[in-house]
Amino acid sequence: MTILTRSLIVSVRPVFSRSLHASTKAFSAKSSKIPAPRGEFQDPKSFLNKIRRGCDEVADKFKDWDHLFTATRNEMKHEMGLTPQQRKWVLKWTELYRQGVNPYHIPKPVKKKS
């Protein structure tokens, strides 16, 4: 019985790690669809100017519309030099745009002093 259990555990581990990798890969930015520009958003600069929070400063680092929607978190960090907050904000808004939400400015919440 223990031999069967051990062989089962050994055979499950490689399958689990491959399936975990495959599912993680399915959610990468490169595999996501690139939405067509719509309305006032025709280039990365107009998109990033609208979402603000310092993203308008890095608009020139995105080559074109496709690059804005295919750039990965690591590429934004190492090759483009975006801060963690900028990366999170750009990735959040590109995903919302894919879902049909047009960008709009959301001001940063102000911390109240107590």
PDB file of N, CA and C in Angstrom:
ATOM      1  N   MET A   1       0.810  -1.189   0.000  1.00  0.00           N
ATOM      2  CA  MET A   1       0.000   0.000   0.000  1.00  0.00           C
ATOM      3  C   MET A   1       0.860   1.264   0.000  1.00  0.00           C
ATOM      4  N   THR A   2       1.913   1.282   0.770  1.00  0.00           N
ATOM      5  CA  THR A   2       2.781   2.461   0.808  1.00  0.00           C
ATOM      6  C   THR A   2       3.509   2.654  -0.518  1.00  0.00           C
ATOM      7  N   ILE A   3       3.839   1.569  -1.190  1.00  0.00           N
ATOM      8  CA  ILE A   3       4.512   1.685  -2.483  1.00  0.00           C
ATOM      9  C   ILE A   3       3.580   2.352  -3.494  1.00  0.00           C
ATOM     10  N   LEU A   4       2.339   1.963  -3.489  1.00  0.00           N
ATOM     11  CA  LEU A   4       1.359   2.564  -4.385  1.00  0.00           C
ATOM     12  C   LEU A   4       1.172   4.049  -4.049  1.00  0.00           C
ATOM     13  N   THR A   5       1.105   4.364  -2.766  1.00  0.00           N
ATOM     14  CA  THR A   5       0.934   5.749  -2.344  1.00  0.00           C
ATOM     15  C   THR A   5       2.131   6.590  -2.744  1.00  0.00           C
ATOM     16  N   ARG A   6       3.318   6.069  -2.554  1.00  0.00           N
ATOM     17  CA  ARG A   6       4.522   6.813  -2.926  1.00  0.00           C
ATOM     18  C   ARG A   6       4.572   7.038  -4.429  1.00  0.00           C
ATOM     19  N   SER A   7       4.260   6.021  -5.201  1.00  0.00           N
ATOM     20  CA  SER A   7       4.311   6.199  -6.650  1.00  0.00           C
ATOM     21  C   SER A   7       3.248   7.183  -7.115  1.00  0.00           C
ATOM     22  N   LEU A   8       2.120   7.190  -6.429  1.00  0.00           N
ATOM     23  CA  LEU A   8       1.060   8.126  -6.775  1.00  0.00           C
ATOM     24  C   LEU A   8       1.491   9.557  -6.476  1.00  0.00           C
ATOM     25  N   ILE A   9       2.113   9.773  -5.334  1.00  0.00           N
ATOM     26  CA  ILE A   9       2.579  11.103  -4.964  1.00  0.00           C
ATOM     27  C   ILE A   9       3.664  11.567  -5.921  1.00  0.00           C
ATOM     28  N   VAL A  10       4.577  10.702  -6.255  1.00  0.00           N
ATOM     29  CA  VAL A  10       5.657  11.057  -7.169  1.00  0.00           C
ATOM     30  C   VAL A  10       5.090  11.407  -8.538  1.00  0.00           C
ATOM     31  N   SER A  11       4.096  10.664  -8.995  1.00  0.00           N
ATOM     32  CA  SER A  11       3.544  10.935 -10.318  1.00  0.00           C
ATOM     33  C   SER A  11       2.665  12.182 -10.330  1.00  0.00           C
ATOM     34  N   VAL A  12       2.113  12.577  -9.192  1.00  0.00           N
ATOM     35  CA  VAL A  12       1.249  13.746  -9.142  1.00  0.00           C
ATOM     36  C   VAL A  12       2.070  15.032  -9.116  1.00  0.00           C
ATOM     37  N   ARG A  13       3.188  15.048  -8.456  1.00  0.00           N
ATOM     38  CA  ARG A  13       3.981  16.272  -8.331  1.00  0.00           C
ATOM     39  C   ARG A  13       4.353  16.893  -9.673  1.00  0.00           C
ATOM     40  N   PRO A  14       4.942  16.139 -10.607  1.00  0.00           N
ATOM     41  CA  PRO A  14       5.293  16.781 -11.880  1.00  0.00           C
ATOM     42  C   PRO A  14       4.066  17.302 -12.641  1.00  0.00           C
ATOM     43  N   VAL A  15       2.982  16.582 -12.584  1.00  0.00           N
ATOM     44  CA  VAL A  15       1.774  17.022 -13.269  1.00  0.00           C
ATOM     45  C   VAL A  15       1.265  18.311 -12.646  1.00  0.00           C
ATOM     46  N   PHE A  16       1.281  18.394 -11.324  1.00  0.00           N
ATOM     47  CA  PHE A  16       0.806  19.593 -10.640  1.00  0.00           C
ATOM     48  C   PHE A  16       1.662  20.800 -11.007  1.00  0.00           C
ATOM     49  N   SER A  17       2.977  20.635 -10.996  1.00  0.00           N
ATOM     50  CA  SER A  17       3.834  21.779 -11.291  1.00  0.00           C
ATOM     51  C   SER A  17       3.663  22.227 -12.739  1.00  0.00           C
ATOM     52  N   ARG A  18       3.463  21.298 -13.661  1.00  0.00           N
ATOM     53  CA  ARG A  18       3.244  21.686 -15.056  1.00  0.00           C
ATOM     54  C   ARG A  18       1.904  22.386 -15.219  1.00  0.00           C
ATOM     55  N   SER A  19       0.867  21.859 -14.578  1.00  0.00           N
ATOM     56  CA  SER A  19      -0.451  22.480 -14.726  1.00  0.00           C
ATOM     57  C   SER A  19      -0.482  23.850 -14.051  1.00  0.00           C
ATOM     58  N   LEU A  20       0.238  24.016 -12.943  1.00  0.00           N
ATOM     59  CA  LEU A  20       0.300  25.301 -12.276  1.00  0.00           C
ATOM     60  C   LEU A  20       0.994  26.308 -13.185  1.00  0.00           C
ATOM     61  N   HIS A  21       2.085  25.891 -13.828  1.00  0.00           N
ATOM     62  CA  HIS A  21       2.812  26.770 -14.728  1.00  0.00           C
ATOM     63  C   HIS A  21       1.953  27.139 -15.928  1.00  0.00           C
ATOM     64  N   ALA A  22       1.233  26.162 -16.443  1.00  0.00           N
ATOM     65  CA  ALA A  22       0.386  26.421 -17.608  1.00  0.00           C
ATOM     66  C   ALA A  22      -0.734  27.392 -17.263  1.00  0.00           C
ATOM     67  N   SER A  23      -1.329  27.239 -16.071  1.00  0.00           N
ATOM     68  CA  SER A  23      -2.416  28.150 -15.709  1.00  0.00           C
ATOM     69  C   SER A  23      -1.887  29.546 -15.432  1.00  0.00           C
ATOM     70  N   THR A  24      -0.691  29.668 -14.860  1.00  0.00           N
ATOM     71  CA  THR A  24      -0.098  30.973 -14.629  1.00  0.00           C
ATOM     72  C   THR A  24       0.228  31.636 -15.957  1.00  0.00           C
ATOM     73  N   LYS A  25       0.715  30.860 -16.890  1.00  0.00           N
ATOM     74  CA  LYS A  25       1.071  31.392 -18.195  1.00  0.00           C
ATOM     75  C   LYS A  25      -0.164  31.888 -18.939  1.00  0.00           C
ATOM     76  N   ALA A  26      -1.306  31.268 -18.699  1.00  0.00           N
ATOM     77  CA  ALA A  26      -2.538  31.656 -19.377  1.00  0.00           C
ATOM     78  C   ALA A  26      -2.957  33.072 -19.005  1.00  0.00           C
ATOM     79  N   PHE A  27      -2.557  33.560 -17.823  1.00  0.00           N
ATOM     80  CA  PHE A  27      -2.956  34.886 -17.376  1.00  0.00           C
ATOM     81  C   PHE A  27      -1.889  35.945 -17.627  1.00  0.00           C
ATOM     82  N   SER A  28      -0.857  35.626 -18.375  1.00  0.00           N
ATOM     83  CA  SER A  28       0.182  36.616 -18.627  1.00  0.00           C
ATOM     84  C   SER A  28      -0.324  37.675 -19.594  1.00  0.00           C
ATOM     85  N   ALA A  29       0.307  38.831 -19.562  1.00  0.00           N
ATOM     86  CA  ALA A  29      -0.132  39.949 -20.403  1.00  0.00           C
ATOM     87  C   ALA A  29       0.064  39.640 -21.887  1.00  0.00           C
ATOM     88  N   LYS A  30       1.066  38.857 -22.233  1.00  0.00           N
ATOM     89  CA  LYS A  30       1.331  38.556 -23.639  1.00  0.00           C
ATOM     90  C   LYS A  30       0.212  37.742 -24.264  1.00  0.00           C
ATOM     91  N   SER A  31      -0.477  36.928 -23.482  1.00  0.00           N
ATOM     92  CA  SER A  31      -1.526  36.088 -24.037  1.00  0.00           C
ATOM     93  C   SER A  31      -2.876  36.788 -24.069  1.00  0.00           C
ATOM     94  N   SER A  32      -2.991  37.968 -23.461  1.00  0.00           N
ATOM     95  CA  SER A  32      -4.256  38.689 -23.438  1.00  0.00           C
ATOM     96  C   SER A  32      -4.500  39.379 -24.764  1.00  0.00           C
ATOM     97  N   LYS A  33      -5.763  39.588 -25.072  1.00  0.00           N
ATOM     98  CA  LYS A  33      -6.086  40.255 -26.325  1.00  0.00           C
ATOM     99  C   LYS A  33      -5.793  41.749 -26.223  1.00  0.00           C
ATOM    100  N   ILE A  34      -5.522  42.341 -27.374  1.00  0.00           N
ATOM    101  CA  ILE A  34      -5.242  43.761 -27.450  1.00  0.00           C
ATOM    102  C   ILE A  34      -6.496  44.446 -27.983  1.00  0.00           C
ATOM    103  N   PRO A  35      -7.132  45.282 -27.166  1.00  0.00           N
ATOM    104  CA  PRO A  35      -8.353  45.935 -27.630  1.00  0.00           C
ATOM    105  C   PRO A  35      -8.041  47.029 -28.644  1.00  0.00           C
ATOM    106  N   ALA A  36      -8.971  47.293 -29.500  1.00  0.00           N
ATOM    107  CA  ALA A  36      -8.808  48.365 -30.478  1.00  0.00           C
ATOM    108  C   ALA A  36      -8.944  49.710 -29.770  1.00  0.00           C
ATOM    109  N   PRO A  37      -8.184  50.716 -30.219  1.00  0.00           N
ATOM    110  CA  PRO A  37      -8.363  52.045 -29.639  1.00  0.00           C
ATOM    111  C   PRO A  37      -9.786  52.533 -29.887  1.00  0.00           C
ATOM    112  N   ARG A  38     -10.352  53.223 -28.900  1.00  0.00           N
ATOM    113  CA  ARG A  38     -11.709  53.726 -29.072  1.00  0.00           C
ATOM    114  C   ARG A  38     -11.822  55.105 -28.433  1.00  0.00           C
ATOM    115  N   GLY A  39     -12.711  55.918 -29.019  1.00  0.00           N
ATOM    116  CA  GLY A  39     -12.954  57.250 -28.483  1.00  0.00           C
ATOM    117  C   GLY A  39     -11.722  58.124 -28.528  1.00  0.00           C
ATOM    118  N   GLU A  40     -11.476  58.813 -27.424  1.00  0.00           N
ATOM    119  CA  GLU A  40     -10.343  59.736 -27.353  1.00  0.00           C
ATOM    120  C   GLU A  40      -9.001  59.026 -27.120  1.00  0.00           C
ATOM    121  N   PHE A  41      -9.031  57.728 -26.903  1.00  0.00           N
ATOM    122  CA  PHE A  41      -7.815  56.979 -26.590  1.00  0.00           C
ATOM    123  C   PHE A  41      -7.293  56.290 -27.846  1.00  0.00           C
ATOM    124  N   GLN A  42      -6.383  56.944 -28.533  1.00  0.00           N
ATOM    125  CA  GLN A  42      -5.836  56.423 -29.781  1.00  0.00           C
ATOM    126  C   GLN A  42      -4.366  56.047 -29.668  1.00  0.00           C
ATOM    127  N   ASP A  43      -3.704  56.464 -28.595  1.00  0.00           N
ATOM    128  CA  ASP A  43      -2.287  56.163 -28.404  1.00  0.00           C
ATOM    129  C   ASP A  43      -2.001  56.034 -26.904  1.00  0.00           C
ATOM    130  N   PRO A  44      -0.838  55.479 -26.548  1.00  0.00           N
ATOM    131  CA  PRO A  44      -0.508  55.308 -25.121  1.00  0.00           C
ATOM    132  C   PRO A  44      -0.502  56.627 -24.344  1.00  0.00           C
ATOM    133  N   LYS A  45      -0.062  57.705 -25.003  1.00  0.00           N
ATOM    134  CA  LYS A  45       0.030  58.992 -24.307  1.00  0.00           C
ATOM    135  C   LYS A  45      -1.344  59.461 -23.829  1.00  0.00           C
ATOM    136  N   SER A  46      -2.358  59.403 -24.687  1.00  0.00           N
ATOM    137  CA  SER A  46      -3.698  59.847 -24.277  1.00  0.00           C
ATOM    138  C   SER A  46      -4.264  58.946 -23.183  1.00  0.00           C
ATOM    139  N   PHE A  47      -3.985  57.654 -23.281  1.00  0.00           N
ATOM    140  CA  PHE A  47      -4.451  56.687 -22.279  1.00  0.00           C
ATOM    141  C   PHE A  47      -3.815  56.978 -20.919  1.00  0.00           C
ATOM    142  N   LEU A  48      -2.494  57.122 -20.900  1.00  0.00           N
ATOM    143  CA  LEU A  48      -1.767  57.319 -19.648  1.00  0.00           C
ATOM    144  C   LEU A  48      -2.000  58.713 -19.060  1.00  0.00           C
ATOM    145  N   ASN A  49      -2.238  59.715 -19.915  1.00  0.00           N
ATOM    146  CA  ASN A  49      -2.572  61.053 -19.403  1.00  0.00           C
ATOM    147  C   ASN A  49      -3.891  61.026 -18.647  1.00  0.00           C
ATOM    148  N   LYS A  50      -4.823  60.226 -19.112  1.00  0.00           N
ATOM    149  CA  LYS A  50      -6.146  60.171 -18.483  1.00  0.00           C
ATOM    150  C   LYS A  50      -6.105  59.474 -17.121  1.00  0.00           C
ATOM    151  N   ILE A  51      -5.299  58.419 -16.982  1.00  0.00           N
ATOM    152  CA  ILE A  51      -5.276  57.690 -15.708  1.00  0.00           C
ATOM    153  C   ILE A  51      -4.383  58.360 -14.665  1.00  0.00           C
ATOM    154  N   ARG A  52      -3.503  59.239 -15.096  1.00  0.00           N
ATOM    155  CA  ARG A  52      -2.616  60.044 -14.244  1.00  0.00           C
ATOM    156  C   ARG A  52      -1.769  59.216 -13.285  1.00  0.00           C
ATOM    157  N   ARG A  53      -1.655  59.700 -12.055  1.00  0.00           N
ATOM    158  CA  ARG A  53      -0.823  59.085 -11.000  1.00  0.00           C
ATOM    159  C   ARG A  53       0.619  58.846 -11.446  1.00  0.00           C
ATOM    160  N   GLY A  54       1.158  59.777 -12.202  1.00  0.00           N
ATOM    161  CA  GLY A  54       2.544  59.692 -12.631  1.00  0.00           C
ATOM    162  C   GLY A  54       2.766  58.846 -13.870  1.00  0.00           C
ATOM    163  N   CYS A  55       1.716  58.259 -14.399  1.00  0.00           N
ATOM    164  CA  CYS A  55       1.859  57.405 -15.584  1.00  0.00           C
ATOM    165  C   CYS A  55       2.060  58.233 -16.840  1.00  0.00           C
ATOM    166  N   ASP A  56       1.584  59.475 -16.828  1.00  0.00           N
ATOM    167  CA  ASP A  56       1.768  60.333 -17.990  1.00  0.00           C
ATOM    168  C   ASP A  56       3.248  60.667 -18.212  1.00  0.00           C
ATOM    169  N   GLU A  57       4.060  60.571 -17.171  1.00  0.00           N
ATOM    170  CA  GLU A  57       5.496  60.842 -17.272  1.00  0.00           C
ATOM    171  C   GLU A  57       6.230  59.749 -18.050  1.00  0.00           C
ATOM    172  N   VAL A  58       5.674  58.552 -18.090  1.00  0.00           N
ATOM    173  CA  VAL A  58       6.351  57.420 -18.741  1.00  0.00           C
ATOM    174  C   VAL A  58       5.686  57.027 -20.064  1.00  0.00           C
ATOM    175  N   ALA A  59       4.828  57.882 -20.583  1.00  0.00           N
ATOM    176  CA  ALA A  59       4.095  57.566 -21.814  1.00  0.00           C
ATOM    177  C   ALA A  59       5.032  57.329 -22.992  1.00  0.00           C
ATOM    178  N   ASP A  60       6.157  58.029 -23.027  1.00  0.00           N
ATOM    179  CA  ASP A  60       7.086  57.878 -24.147  1.00  0.00           C
ATOM    180  C   ASP A  60       7.850  56.546 -24.120  1.00  0.00           C
ATOM    181  N   LYS A  61       7.780  55.815 -23.026  1.00  0.00           N
ATOM    182  CA  LYS A  61       8.474  54.526 -22.926  1.00  0.00           C
ATOM    183  C   LYS A  61       7.713  53.398 -23.616  1.00  0.00           C
ATOM    184  N   PHE A  62       6.429  53.619 -23.898  1.00  0.00           N
ATOM    185  CA  PHE A  62       5.637  52.627 -24.622  1.00  0.00           C
ATOM    186  C   PHE A  62       5.721  52.954 -26.108  1.00  0.00           C
ATOM    187  N   LYS A  63       6.103  51.972 -26.913  1.00  0.00           N
ATOM    188  CA  LYS A  63       6.334  52.189 -28.343  1.00  0.00           C
ATOM    189  C   LYS A  63       5.046  52.531 -29.089  1.00  0.00           C
ATOM    190  N   ASP A  64       4.008  51.764 -28.833  1.00  0.00           N
ATOM    191  CA  ASP A  64       2.745  51.963 -29.529  1.00  0.00           C
ATOM    192  C   ASP A  64       1.615  51.354 -28.701  1.00  0.00           C
ATOM    193  N   TRP A  65       0.425  51.362 -29.254  1.00  0.00           N
ATOM    194  CA  TRP A  65      -0.766  50.851 -28.563  1.00  0.00           C
ATOM    195  C   TRP A  65      -0.600  49.383 -28.192  1.00  0.00           C
ATOM    196  N   ASP A  66      -0.098  48.573 -29.112  1.00  0.00           N
ATOM    197  CA  ASP A  66       0.092  47.143 -28.842  1.00  0.00           C
ATOM    198  C   ASP A  66       1.076  46.916 -27.703  1.00  0.00           C
ATOM    199  N   HIS A  67       2.134  47.708 -27.668  1.00  0.00           N
ATOM    200  CA  HIS A  67       3.145  47.561 -26.613  1.00  0.00           C
ATOM    201  C   HIS A  67       2.563  47.886 -25.243  1.00  0.00           C
ATOM    202  N   LEU A  68       1.658  48.857 -25.188  1.00  0.00           N
ATOM    203  CA  LEU A  68       1.008  49.211 -23.919  1.00  0.00           C
ATOM    204  C   LEU A  68       0.257  48.023 -23.342  1.00  0.00           C
ATOM    205  N   PHE A  69      -0.387  47.233 -24.207  1.00  0.00           N
ATOM    206  CA  PHE A  69      -1.213  46.115 -23.738  1.00  0.00           C
ATOM    207  C   PHE A  69      -0.469  44.779 -23.687  1.00  0.00           C
ATOM    208  N   THR A  70       0.758  44.725 -24.167  1.00  0.00           N
ATOM    209  CA  THR A  70       1.512  43.468 -24.104  1.00  0.00           C
ATOM    210  C   THR A  70       2.725  43.546 -23.186  1.00  0.00           C
ATOM    211  N   ALA A  71       3.055  44.725 -22.690  1.00  0.00           N
ATOM    212  CA  ALA A  71       4.206  44.862 -21.794  1.00  0.00           C
ATOM    213  C   ALA A  71       3.934  44.117 -20.491  1.00  0.00           C
ATOM    214  N   THR A  72       4.896  43.338 -20.065  1.00  0.00           N
ATOM    215  CA  THR A  72       4.758  42.582 -18.826  1.00  0.00           C
ATOM    216  C   THR A  72       5.243  43.410 -17.641  1.00  0.00           C
ATOM    217  N   ARG A  73       4.901  42.950 -16.457  1.00  0.00           N
ATOM    218  CA  ARG A  73       5.340  43.625 -15.242  1.00  0.00           C
ATOM    219  C   ARG A  73       6.870  43.689 -15.171  1.00  0.00           C
ATOM    220  N   ASN A  74       7.525  42.585 -15.524  1.00  0.00           N
ATOM    221  CA  ASN A  74       8.991  42.571 -15.484  1.00  0.00           C
ATOM    222  C   ASN A  74       9.601  43.517 -16.514  1.00  0.00           C
ATOM    223  N   GLU A  75       9.021  43.577 -17.687  1.00  0.00           N
ATOM    224  CA  GLU A  75       9.515  44.491 -18.713  1.00  0.00           C
ATOM    225  C   GLU A  75       9.361  45.938 -18.244  1.00  0.00           C
ATOM    226  N   MET A  76       8.215  46.253 -17.651  1.00  0.00           N
ATOM    227  CA  MET A  76       7.999  47.605 -17.139  1.00  0.00           C
ATOM    228  C   MET A  76       8.987  47.945 -16.030  1.00  0.00           C
ATOM    229  N   LYS A  77       9.355  46.958 -15.250  1.00  0.00           N
ATOM    230  CA  LYS A  77      10.265  47.185 -14.132  1.00  0.00           C
ATOM    231  C   LYS A  77      11.712  47.320 -14.609  1.00  0.00           C
ATOM    232  N   HIS A  78      12.201  46.332 -15.356  1.00  0.00           N
ATOM    233  CA  HIS A  78      13.623  46.279 -15.676  1.00  0.00           C
ATOM    234  C   HIS A  78      14.002  47.100 -16.900  1.00  0.00           C
ATOM    235  N   GLU A  79      13.203  47.055 -17.942  1.00  0.00           N
ATOM    236  CA  GLU A  79      13.577  47.731 -19.178  1.00  0.00           C
ATOM    237  C   GLU A  79      13.066  49.164 -19.250  1.00  0.00           C
ATOM    238  N   MET A  80      11.909  49.422 -18.633  1.00  0.00           N
ATOM    239  CA  MET A  80      11.299  50.736 -18.765  1.00  0.00           C
ATOM    240  C   MET A  80      11.466  51.601 -17.518  1.00  0.00           C
ATOM    241  N   GLY A  81      11.751  50.984 -16.376  1.00  0.00           N
ATOM    242  CA  GLY A  81      12.015  51.722 -15.148  1.00  0.00           C
ATOM    243  C   GLY A  81      10.802  52.332 -14.472  1.00  0.00           C
ATOM    244  N   LEU A  82       9.637  51.720 -14.607  1.00  0.00           N
ATOM    245  CA  LEU A  82       8.436  52.225 -13.940  1.00  0.00           C
ATOM    246  C   LEU A  82       8.471  51.854 -12.460  1.00  0.00           C
ATOM    247  N   THR A  83       7.905  52.711 -11.628  1.00  0.00           N
ATOM    248  CA  THR A  83       7.838  52.420 -10.198  1.00  0.00           C
ATOM    249  C   THR A  83       6.773  51.351  -9.964  1.00  0.00           C
ATOM    250  N   PRO A  84       6.795  50.695  -8.803  1.00  0.00           N
ATOM    251  CA  PRO A  84       5.770  49.689  -8.523  1.00  0.00           C
ATOM    252  C   PRO A  84       4.347  50.246  -8.609  1.00  0.00           C
ATOM    253  N   GLN A  85       4.146  51.457  -8.119  1.00  0.00           N
ATOM    254  CA  GLN A  85       2.810  52.049  -8.173  1.00  0.00           C
ATOM    255  C   GLN A  85       2.372  52.297  -9.617  1.00  0.00           C
ATOM    256  N   GLN A  86       3.289  52.772 -10.454  1.00  0.00           N
ATOM    257  CA  GLN A  86       2.966  53.004 -11.867  1.00  0.00           C
ATOM    258  C   GLN A  86       2.639  51.697 -12.570  1.00  0.00           C
ATOM    259  N   ARG A  87       3.436  50.661 -12.303  1.00  0.00           N
ATOM    260  CA  ARG A  87       3.186  49.358 -12.932  1.00  0.00           C
ATOM    261  C   ARG A  87       1.815  48.820 -12.564  1.00  0.00           C
ATOM    262  N   LYS A  88       1.497  48.857 -11.285  1.00  0.00           N
ATOM    263  CA  LYS A  88       0.201  48.353 -10.826  1.00  0.00           C
ATOM    264  C   LYS A  88      -0.945  49.136 -11.460  1.00  0.00           C
ATOM    265  N   TRP A  89      -0.800  50.454 -11.538  1.00  0.00           N
ATOM    266  CA  TRP A  89      -1.860  51.294 -12.062  1.00  0.00           C
ATOM    267  C   TRP A  89      -2.054  51.068 -13.565  1.00  0.00           C
ATOM    268  N   VAL A  90      -0.957  50.966 -14.292  1.00  0.00           N
ATOM    269  CA  VAL A  90      -1.046  50.723 -15.743  1.00  0.00           C
ATOM    270  C   VAL A  90      -1.667  49.356 -16.000  1.00  0.00           C
ATOM    271  N   LEU A  91      -1.217  48.338 -15.300  1.00  0.00           N
ATOM    272  CA  LEU A  91      -1.763  46.991 -15.506  1.00  0.00           C
ATOM    273  C   LEU A  91      -3.237  46.918 -15.110  1.00  0.00           C
ATOM    274  N   LYS A  92      -3.618  47.622 -14.054  1.00  0.00           N
ATOM    275  CA  LYS A  92      -5.026  47.639 -13.645  1.00  0.00           C
ATOM    276  C   LYS A  92      -5.881  48.270 -14.728  1.00  0.00           C
ATOM    277  N   TRP A  93      -5.447  49.428 -15.247  1.00  0.00           N
ATOM    278  CA  TRP A  93      -6.253  50.135 -16.230  1.00  0.00           C
ATOM    279  C   TRP A  93      -6.251  49.464 -17.599  1.00  0.00           C
ATOM    280  N   THR A  94      -5.165  48.809 -17.973  1.00  0.00           N
ATOM    281  CA  THR A  94      -5.191  48.091 -19.257  1.00  0.00           C
ATOM    282  C   THR A  94      -6.176  46.932 -19.173  1.00  0.00           C
ATOM    283  N   GLU A  95      -6.252  46.274 -18.032  1.00  0.00           N
ATOM    284  CA  GLU A  95      -7.216  45.188 -17.883  1.00  0.00           C
ATOM    285  C   GLU A  95      -8.648  45.725 -17.875  1.00  0.00           C
ATOM    286  N   LEU A  96      -8.888  46.834 -17.198  1.00  0.00           N
ATOM    287  CA  LEU A  96     -10.222  47.428 -17.205  1.00  0.00           C
ATOM    288  C   LEU A  96     -10.622  47.854 -18.616  1.00  0.00           C
ATOM    289  N   TYR A  97      -9.663  48.378 -19.379  1.00  0.00           N
ATOM    290  CA  TYR A  97      -9.946  48.793 -20.757  1.00  0.00           C
ATOM    291  C   TYR A  97     -10.316  47.582 -21.612  1.00  0.00           C
ATOM    292  N   ARG A  98      -9.628  46.458 -21.371  1.00  0.00           N
ATOM    293  CA  ARG A  98      -9.982  45.222 -22.083  1.00  0.00           C
ATOM    294  C   ARG A  98     -11.426  44.818 -21.792  1.00  0.00           C
ATOM    295  N   GLN A  99     -11.878  45.092 -20.589  1.00  0.00           N
ATOM    296  CA  GLN A  99     -13.231  44.723 -20.166  1.00  0.00           C
ATOM    297  C   GLN A  99     -14.278  45.749 -20.591  1.00  0.00           C
ATOM    298  N   GLY A 100     -13.847  46.817 -21.267  1.00  0.00           N
ATOM    299  CA  GLY A 100     -14.784  47.794 -21.795  1.00  0.00           C
ATOM    300  C   GLY A 100     -14.927  49.074 -21.001  1.00  0.00           C
ATOM    301  N   VAL A 101     -14.142  49.262 -19.957  1.00  0.00           N
ATOM    302  CA  VAL A 101     -14.219  50.474 -19.136  1.00  0.00           C
ATOM    303  C   VAL A 101     -13.243  51.502 -19.691  1.00  0.00           C
ATOM    304  N   ASN A 102     -13.747  52.673 -20.050  1.00  0.00           N
ATOM    305  CA  ASN A 102     -12.864  53.744 -20.513  1.00  0.00           C
ATOM    306  C   ASN A 102     -12.173  54.380 -19.317  1.00  0.00           C
ATOM    307  N   PRO A 103     -10.899  54.730 -19.448  1.00  0.00           N
ATOM    308  CA  PRO A 103     -10.160  55.322 -18.331  1.00  0.00           C
ATOM    309  C   PRO A 103     -10.745  56.659 -17.883  1.00  0.00           C
ATOM    310  N   TYR A 104     -10.674  56.891 -16.606  1.00  0.00           N
ATOM    311  CA  TYR A 104     -11.051  58.174 -16.018  1.00  0.00           C
ATOM    312  C   TYR A 104     -10.155  58.396 -14.818  1.00  0.00           C
ATOM    313  N   HIS A 105     -10.020  59.638 -14.427  1.00  0.00           N
ATOM    314  CA  HIS A 105      -9.123  59.976 -13.326  1.00  0.00           C
ATOM    315  C   HIS A 105      -9.762  59.620 -11.987  1.00  0.00           C
ATOM    316  N   ILE A 106      -9.022  58.886 -11.181  1.00  0.00           N
ATOM    317  CA  ILE A 106      -9.424  58.580  -9.811  1.00  0.00           C
ATOM    318  C   ILE A 106      -8.379  59.220  -8.906  1.00  0.00           C
ATOM    319  N   PRO A 107      -8.753  60.254  -8.145  1.00  0.00           N
ATOM    320  CA  PRO A 107      -7.762  60.900  -7.289  1.00  0.00           C
ATOM    321  C   PRO A 107      -7.298  59.960  -6.177  1.00  0.00           C
ATOM    322  N   LYS A 108      -6.064  60.160  -5.769  1.00  0.00           N
ATOM    323  CA  LYS A 108      -5.541  59.364  -4.655  1.00  0.00           C
ATOM    324  C   LYS A 108      -6.288  59.727  -3.386  1.00  0.00           C
ATOM    325  N   PRO A 109      -6.617  58.719  -2.577  1.00  0.00           N
ATOM    326  CA  PRO A 109      -7.273  59.024  -1.315  1.00  0.00           C
ATOM    327  C   PRO A 109      -6.330  59.773  -0.373  1.00  0.00           C
ATOM    328  N   VAL A 110      -6.856  60.761   0.301  1.00  0.00           N
ATOM    329  CA  VAL A 110      -6.076  61.548   1.238  1.00  0.00           C
ATOM    330  C   VAL A 110      -6.207  60.950   2.621  1.00  0.00           C
ATOM    331  N   LYS A 111      -5.064  60.689   3.249  1.00  0.00           N
ATOM    332  CA  LYS A 111      -5.083  60.124   4.602  1.00  0.00           C
ATOM    333  C   LYS A 111      -5.443  61.218   5.601  1.00  0.00           C
ATOM    334  N   LYS A 112      -6.396  60.905   6.446  1.00  0.00           N
ATOM    335  CA  LYS A 112      -6.801  61.862   7.469  1.00  0.00           C
ATOM    336  C   LYS A 112      -5.865  61.763   8.670  1.00  0.00           C
ATOM    337  N   LYS A 113      -5.487  62.904   9.174  1.00  0.00           N
ATOM    338  CA  LYS A 113      -4.656  62.922  10.379  1.00  0.00           C
ATOM    339  C   LYS A 113      -5.583  62.894  11.585  1.00  0.00           C
ATOM    340  N   SER A 114      -5.259  62.017  12.523  1.00  0.00           N
ATOM    341  CA  SER A 114      -6.129  61.926  13.703  1.00  0.00           C
ATOM    342  C   SER A 114      -5.506  62.556  14.913  1.00  0.00           C
TER     343      SER A 114
END
